[in-house]
Amino acid sequence: MAKLLRLNENFNSLDVVKEKLLPLTHIKSVNGLSVEELNDLPEDDRIYISKWLTKDHHLAEIRSYSPTESCSNNTKSEIRYMVGRAYIEYRRNKQRDSMGNLLPKTDRINLVKIDVIFFERDSGIDAIICTPDNHINKVKALISDENICKGYSKNNINSDEFYWLYYRYSTKKKVLNNDISLINITSFTGNIFDEHHTIYGKSDNTTDLIVTKAFVCSGSNPFTNMKISIAIGLTLIDFLVNRESDIRIDVESNIPQELADMNKEIALPLYLLSYLLPKIRELYINDAFTDDLNIKIDFSKMLGLEVIKAIMTHNDINAKELASDTEPMISVD
């Protein structure tokens, strides 16, 4: 899981992050202790601490990479980034031994080390938390709520962008530009009426399934997430992305050549969220699909006809029966 956040306007460069954010610590008191137990414990044993780790007494190193449009040999502008590592202590369920005595701190805490990627974009800073869902709030507490931008929507993916990807794939327009191709759509989740009524599809042939086509042509562009395979030159990346741009990347995905010296756990989230997804959005915005309503109407109509014909064939319904106002009779033994 990679969770994308936007830092607030006080952070306009990685140098500011390094100076003001990475020295922060977050301390949480151990609860459920008697006054006597608290008095007997050293100060460090009374707390859970979260902090940013240093290497040789130095905080994270600022680096950069330049995404390459491999087919045209054009180089995109440089993207500056750095990787911070969060050290987080948190409570274990078992706090006492069989006699009711408080366990030593090392036996009553868990600790995790979590990579957080910071990168510069649009005169601000985005942060990618690379961790399972259950640790995200712990890292957010270390970053501090007051340092996170509330209601920032520029990173969000709207349903129409998912719909566009489905349209491009279904109409065999899988080459998005000279460099990027849509290889497959293998799963999706969407709302039928609202968030309380959802549909989920998972198949290597998801786009061709009648139930998918019926769902898509029913209106309102209801996709909430999508798993896609994208080829960038010779690099193939499979990932699931939702409306908030949170991503889950298949382990077999390739590392882009520009980031070949990094491990996958850092390289792929960085590449997807700092370059590939913004690039796909740019292609979506520049496509005639976004401005020509007739394209969407004709596409939805095409899907609807395919669904109707498939249902008629499967149930042996003829055109006369379809046009009839008479309800069909159901045989009862």
Protein backbone atom coordinates (compact mmCIF):
# COMPACT_ATOMS: atom_id res chain seq x y z
CA MET A 1 0.00 0.00 0.00
CA ALA A 2 1.22 3.49 -0.83
CA LYS A 3 -0.80 6.38 0.63
CA LEU A 4 -0.44 9.82 -0.96
CA LEU A 5 -0.65 12.98 1.17
CA ARG A 6 -0.12 16.66 0.48
CA LEU A 7 1.80 18.72 3.03
CA ASN A 8 0.46 22.18 3.79
CA GLU A 9 1.66 25.42 2.23
CA ASN A 10 4.42 25.87 4.82
CA PHE A 11 6.38 23.17 2.99
CA ASN A 12 7.38 24.41 -0.45
CA SER A 13 10.67 22.53 -0.85
CA LEU A 14 12.44 19.41 0.38
CA ASP A 15 14.90 21.62 2.22
CA VAL A 16 12.04 22.92 4.37
CA VAL A 17 10.86 19.34 5.00
CA LYS A 18 14.37 18.40 6.06
CA GLU A 19 14.65 21.41 8.34
CA LYS A 20 11.19 21.50 9.92
CA LEU A 21 9.53 18.09 9.55
CA LEU A 22 12.20 15.41 9.89
CA PRO A 23 13.41 16.59 13.32
CA LEU A 24 9.87 16.04 14.71
CA THR A 25 9.02 13.32 17.22
CA HIS A 26 5.64 12.08 18.41
CA ILE A 27 5.24 10.82 21.96
CA LYS A 28 2.31 8.86 23.34
CA SER A 29 2.00 8.01 27.03
CA VAL A 30 1.56 4.42 28.18
CA ASN A 31 -1.90 4.13 29.74
CA GLY A 32 -3.37 1.75 32.29
CA LEU A 33 -0.53 2.11 34.81
CA SER A 34 -0.86 2.78 38.51
CA VAL A 35 0.88 5.73 40.14
CA GLU A 36 3.35 3.33 41.77
CA GLU A 37 4.19 1.71 38.44
CA LEU A 38 4.71 5.09 36.81
CA ASN A 39 7.03 6.19 39.60
CA ASP A 40 9.08 3.01 39.27
CA LEU A 41 9.54 3.30 35.51
CA PRO A 42 12.31 5.23 33.75
CA GLU A 43 10.98 8.09 31.62
CA ASP A 44 11.60 6.23 28.34
CA ASP A 45 9.55 3.25 29.55
CA ARG A 46 6.48 5.42 30.17
CA ILE A 47 6.07 6.38 26.54
CA TYR A 48 5.83 5.15 22.97
CA ILE A 49 8.00 7.25 20.69
CA SER A 50 7.88 7.87 16.97
CA LYS A 51 10.72 9.68 15.20
CA TRP A 52 12.62 9.99 11.93
CA LEU A 53 15.74 7.87 11.76
CA THR A 54 19.10 9.31 10.82
CA LYS A 55 22.03 7.75 9.01
CA ASP A 56 25.45 8.73 10.35
CA HIS A 57 23.66 11.53 12.24
CA HIS A 58 22.29 12.94 8.97
CA LEU A 59 18.68 13.13 7.88
CA ALA A 60 17.48 11.97 4.46
CA GLU A 61 19.47 12.82 1.34
CA ILE A 62 17.81 14.92 -1.37
CA ARG A 63 18.06 13.25 -4.77
CA SER A 64 16.47 13.66 -8.20
CA TYR A 65 15.51 11.73 -11.32
CA SER A 66 14.27 12.65 -14.79
CA PRO A 67 11.46 10.52 -16.28
CA THR A 68 12.31 9.73 -19.89
CA GLU A 69 9.84 9.52 -22.74
CA SER A 70 11.62 6.49 -24.17
CA CYS A 71 10.09 6.53 -27.66
CA SER A 72 10.86 10.17 -28.36
CA ASN A 73 14.05 10.53 -26.30
CA ASN A 74 12.59 13.62 -24.70
CA THR A 75 13.40 14.13 -21.04
CA LYS A 76 10.85 15.48 -18.64
CA SER A 77 11.88 18.08 -16.09
CA GLU A 78 13.75 16.87 -13.04
CA ILE A 79 11.81 15.54 -10.05
CA ARG A 80 13.43 16.08 -6.66
CA TYR A 81 12.70 13.61 -3.89
CA MET A 82 14.01 12.17 -0.65
CA VAL A 83 13.17 9.15 1.47
CA GLY A 84 12.65 9.48 5.20
CA ARG A 85 12.40 6.44 7.46
CA ALA A 86 9.93 6.60 10.32
CA TYR A 87 10.66 4.63 13.51
CA ILE A 88 7.40 3.91 15.34
CA GLU A 89 6.76 2.21 18.67
CA TYR A 90 3.26 1.02 19.49
CA ARG A 91 1.48 -1.09 22.09
CA ARG A 92 1.27 -4.88 22.08
CA ASN A 93 -1.91 -6.49 23.33
CA LYS A 94 -0.08 -8.28 26.12
CA GLN A 95 1.24 -5.83 28.71
CA ARG A 96 1.54 -8.00 31.83
CA ASP A 97 2.84 -11.43 32.78
CA SER A 98 0.78 -14.23 34.35
CA MET A 99 1.32 -12.69 37.80
CA GLY A 100 -0.05 -9.32 36.71
CA ASN A 101 3.34 -7.63 36.68
CA LEU A 102 4.13 -5.09 33.98
CA LEU A 103 6.41 -6.55 31.31
CA PRO A 104 9.69 -4.86 30.36
CA LYS A 105 9.21 -2.28 27.61
CA THR A 106 10.90 -4.46 24.97
CA ASP A 107 8.28 -7.18 25.62
CA ARG A 108 5.23 -4.91 25.53
CA ILE A 109 5.88 -2.86 22.42
CA ASN A 110 6.01 -3.48 18.70
CA LEU A 111 8.16 -1.34 16.48
CA VAL A 112 8.11 -0.75 12.74
CA LYS A 113 10.30 1.19 10.34
CA ILE A 114 8.36 2.75 7.49
CA ASP A 115 9.67 4.52 4.41
CA VAL A 116 8.07 7.84 3.47
CA ILE A 117 8.89 9.38 0.10
CA PHE A 118 8.73 13.17 -0.17
CA PHE A 119 8.81 14.83 -3.59
CA GLU A 120 8.34 18.31 -4.99
CA ARG A 121 5.34 19.02 -7.23
CA ASP A 122 3.38 22.14 -8.17
CA SER A 123 5.34 24.38 -5.77
CA GLY A 124 4.58 22.08 -2.86
CA ILE A 125 5.40 18.71 -1.31
CA ASP A 126 3.63 15.38 -1.68
CA ALA A 127 4.38 12.50 0.70
CA ILE A 128 3.98 8.80 -0.06
CA ILE A 129 3.60 6.53 2.98
CA CYS A 130 4.74 3.03 2.01
CA THR A 131 3.09 0.73 4.53
CA PRO A 132 0.11 -1.56 5.15
CA ASP A 133 -3.17 0.20 5.97
CA ASN A 134 -2.95 -0.40 9.72
CA HIS A 135 0.20 1.74 10.09
CA ILE A 136 -0.80 4.76 8.01
CA ASN A 137 -2.33 6.72 10.90
CA LYS A 138 0.79 6.13 12.99
CA VAL A 139 2.92 7.80 10.33
CA LYS A 140 0.39 10.62 9.92
CA ALA A 141 0.65 11.24 13.67
CA LEU A 142 4.42 11.61 13.31
CA ILE A 143 4.05 14.00 10.37
CA SER A 144 1.41 15.81 12.48
CA ASP A 145 -2.11 16.62 11.40
CA GLU A 146 -1.38 20.33 11.31
CA ASN A 147 1.29 19.76 8.64
CA ILE A 148 -1.07 17.88 6.29
CA CYS A 149 -3.15 19.82 3.76
CA LYS A 150 -6.87 19.30 4.38
CA GLY A 151 -9.24 18.91 1.47
CA TYR A 152 -6.51 18.89 -1.19
CA SER A 153 -8.09 17.37 -4.30
CA LYS A 154 -5.58 17.90 -7.12
CA ASN A 155 -4.15 14.41 -6.58
CA ASN A 156 -7.59 12.78 -6.71
CA ILE A 157 -8.71 10.75 -9.72
CA ASN A 158 -12.29 11.40 -10.78
CA SER A 159 -14.60 8.69 -12.09
CA ASP A 160 -14.47 10.13 -15.60
CA GLU A 161 -10.72 9.42 -15.78
CA PHE A 162 -11.37 5.76 -14.94
CA TYR A 163 -14.20 5.76 -17.50
CA TRP A 164 -11.80 7.18 -20.12
CA LEU A 165 -9.32 4.36 -19.50
CA TYR A 166 -12.13 1.82 -19.92
CA TYR A 167 -13.23 3.57 -23.12
CA ARG A 168 -9.71 3.60 -24.56
CA TYR A 169 -9.20 -0.08 -23.80
CA SER A 170 -12.64 -1.19 -25.04
CA THR A 171 -12.33 0.68 -28.34
CA LYS A 172 -8.84 -0.69 -29.03
CA LYS A 173 -7.22 2.72 -28.51
CA LYS A 174 -4.76 1.25 -26.04
CA VAL A 175 -1.76 3.33 -27.13
CA LEU A 176 -2.18 6.47 -25.02
CA ASN A 177 0.81 8.23 -26.58
CA ASN A 178 4.07 7.28 -28.30
CA ASP A 179 5.39 5.95 -25.03
CA ILE A 180 2.54 4.69 -22.84
CA SER A 181 0.18 1.80 -23.63
CA LEU A 182 -2.75 0.39 -21.68
CA ILE A 183 -2.16 -3.38 -21.62
CA ASN A 184 -5.14 -4.55 -19.57
CA ILE A 185 -7.81 -3.69 -17.01
CA THR A 186 -8.16 -6.66 -14.68
CA SER A 187 -10.44 -5.43 -11.91
CA PHE A 188 -12.58 -2.53 -10.77
CA THR A 189 -14.91 -1.41 -8.01
CA GLY A 190 -17.77 0.99 -8.56
CA ASN A 191 -20.94 2.41 -7.08
CA ILE A 192 -24.30 1.40 -8.51
CA PHE A 193 -26.41 4.07 -6.77
CA ASP A 194 -24.19 5.30 -3.93
CA GLU A 195 -21.29 4.12 -1.80
CA HIS A 196 -23.61 1.68 0.01
CA HIS A 197 -24.33 -0.25 -3.21
CA THR A 198 -21.14 -1.39 -4.89
CA ILE A 199 -20.08 -3.80 -7.59
CA TYR A 200 -16.72 -5.53 -7.89
CA GLY A 201 -15.24 -7.26 -10.91
CA LYS A 202 -12.02 -9.23 -11.23
CA SER A 203 -10.99 -11.06 -14.38
CA ASP A 204 -8.34 -10.94 -17.09
CA ASN A 205 -11.30 -10.26 -19.39
CA THR A 206 -13.04 -7.74 -17.13
CA THR A 207 -13.68 -5.22 -19.91
CA ASP A 208 -15.41 -7.81 -22.13
CA LEU A 209 -17.81 -9.17 -19.52
CA ILE A 210 -21.47 -8.37 -20.15
CA VAL A 211 -22.00 -7.48 -16.49
CA THR A 212 -19.18 -4.91 -16.74
CA LYS A 213 -20.66 -3.37 -19.89
CA ALA A 214 -24.11 -3.24 -18.29
CA PHE A 215 -22.64 -1.52 -15.25
CA VAL A 216 -20.67 1.02 -17.30
CA CYS A 217 -23.50 2.01 -19.65
CA SER A 218 -25.99 2.43 -16.80
CA GLY A 219 -24.75 5.99 -16.30
CA SER A 220 -23.00 8.28 -13.81
CA ASN A 221 -19.45 6.94 -14.43
CA PRO A 222 -19.38 5.07 -11.13
CA PHE A 223 -15.80 3.69 -10.97
CA THR A 224 -14.08 4.09 -7.59
CA ASN A 225 -10.91 2.09 -8.27
CA MET A 226 -9.29 0.16 -11.08
CA LYS A 227 -6.46 -2.32 -11.50
CA ILE A 228 -4.54 -1.72 -14.70
CA SER A 229 -1.43 -2.87 -16.52
CA ILE A 230 0.58 -0.11 -18.15
CA ALA A 231 3.59 -0.44 -20.45
CA ILE A 232 6.05 2.45 -20.62
CA GLY A 233 8.47 1.44 -23.31
CA LEU A 234 9.78 -1.93 -22.12
CA THR A 235 8.67 -1.34 -18.52
CA LEU A 236 5.46 -3.09 -17.41
CA ILE A 237 3.70 -2.01 -14.22
CA ASP A 238 0.54 -3.60 -12.76
CA PHE A 239 -1.19 -1.61 -10.05
CA LEU A 240 -4.50 -0.89 -8.34
CA VAL A 241 -5.38 2.78 -7.88
CA ASN A 242 -8.37 4.43 -6.21
CA ARG A 243 -9.87 7.91 -6.34
CA GLU A 244 -7.46 9.22 -3.69
CA SER A 245 -4.47 7.98 -5.76
CA ASP A 246 -3.65 5.34 -3.14
CA ILE A 247 -1.91 2.49 -4.95
CA ARG A 248 -1.09 -1.19 -4.56
CA ILE A 249 1.59 -2.43 -6.93
CA ASP A 250 2.12 -6.03 -8.05
CA VAL A 251 5.50 -7.35 -6.97
CA GLU A 252 6.31 -8.57 -10.48
CA SER A 253 6.16 -5.05 -11.92
CA ASN A 254 9.33 -3.72 -13.54
CA ILE A 255 11.44 -0.85 -12.26
CA PRO A 256 11.83 1.99 -14.79
CA GLN A 257 15.39 2.40 -16.05
CA GLU A 258 15.62 5.89 -14.57
CA LEU A 259 15.28 4.42 -11.07
CA ALA A 260 17.10 1.13 -11.60
CA ASP A 261 19.50 1.80 -8.72
CA MET A 262 16.64 1.83 -6.18
CA ASN A 263 14.63 -0.98 -4.63
CA LYS A 264 11.11 -1.63 -5.93
CA GLU A 265 9.41 -0.58 -2.71
CA ILE A 266 10.63 2.99 -3.27
CA ALA A 267 11.11 3.23 -7.04
CA LEU A 268 7.64 2.12 -8.15
CA PRO A 269 5.48 4.29 -5.83
CA LEU A 270 7.71 7.27 -6.59
CA TYR A 271 7.52 6.73 -10.35
CA LEU A 272 3.77 6.13 -10.40
CA LEU A 273 2.78 9.06 -8.22
CA SER A 274 5.34 11.64 -9.27
CA TYR A 275 5.25 10.94 -13.00
CA LEU A 276 3.04 8.23 -14.51
CA LEU A 277 -0.37 9.05 -13.00
CA PRO A 278 0.05 12.82 -13.60
CA LYS A 279 1.11 12.00 -17.17
CA ILE A 280 -1.96 9.81 -17.73
CA ARG A 281 -4.13 12.65 -16.39
CA GLU A 282 -2.48 15.03 -18.86
CA LEU A 283 -3.30 12.63 -21.71
CA TYR A 284 -6.89 12.36 -20.49
CA ILE A 285 -7.30 16.14 -20.36
CA ASN A 286 -5.94 16.54 -23.88
CA ASP A 287 -8.12 13.77 -25.37
CA ALA A 288 -11.19 14.78 -27.42
CA PHE A 289 -13.14 12.43 -25.14
CA THR A 290 -13.17 15.06 -22.39
CA ASP A 291 -14.83 17.75 -24.54
CA ASP A 292 -16.99 15.86 -27.04
CA LEU A 293 -20.10 14.60 -25.26
CA ASN A 294 -21.13 12.64 -28.36
CA ILE A 295 -18.16 10.29 -27.89
CA LYS A 296 -19.44 9.29 -24.46
CA ILE A 297 -23.05 9.01 -25.67
CA ASP A 298 -22.11 6.85 -28.65
CA PHE A 299 -19.83 4.64 -26.53
CA SER A 300 -22.50 4.11 -23.88
CA LYS A 301 -25.06 3.32 -26.59
CA MET A 302 -22.69 0.80 -28.18
CA LEU A 303 -22.24 -0.97 -24.82
CA GLY A 304 -25.98 -0.93 -24.18
CA LEU A 305 -26.73 -2.56 -27.52
CA GLU A 306 -24.11 -5.24 -26.90
CA VAL A 307 -25.68 -6.00 -23.51
CA ILE A 308 -29.22 -6.15 -24.92
CA LYS A 309 -28.21 -8.41 -27.82
CA ALA A 310 -26.30 -10.75 -25.49
CA ILE A 311 -29.26 -11.04 -23.11
CA MET A 312 -31.69 -11.60 -25.99
CA THR A 313 -29.50 -14.35 -27.45
CA HIS A 314 -28.98 -16.04 -24.09
CA ASN A 315 -32.70 -16.03 -23.27
CA ASP A 316 -33.95 -16.65 -26.84
CA ILE A 317 -35.83 -13.33 -26.94
CA ASN A 318 -36.80 -12.00 -30.36
CA ALA A 319 -37.30 -8.37 -31.36
CA LYS A 320 -41.09 -8.76 -31.46
CA GLU A 321 -41.16 -9.99 -27.86
CA LEU A 322 -38.90 -7.13 -26.81
CA ALA A 323 -41.27 -4.56 -28.34
CA SER A 324 -44.42 -6.19 -26.93
CA ASP A 325 -46.29 -4.62 -24.02
CA THR A 326 -47.50 -8.05 -22.91
CA GLU A 327 -45.69 -9.51 -19.93
CA PRO A 328 -44.27 -13.00 -20.52
CA MET A 329 -46.08 -15.91 -18.90
CA ILE A 330 -44.16 -18.10 -16.48
CA SER A 331 -45.05 -21.77 -16.60
CA VAL A 332 -46.09 -23.21 -13.25
CA ASP A 333 -46.30 -26.96 -12.68
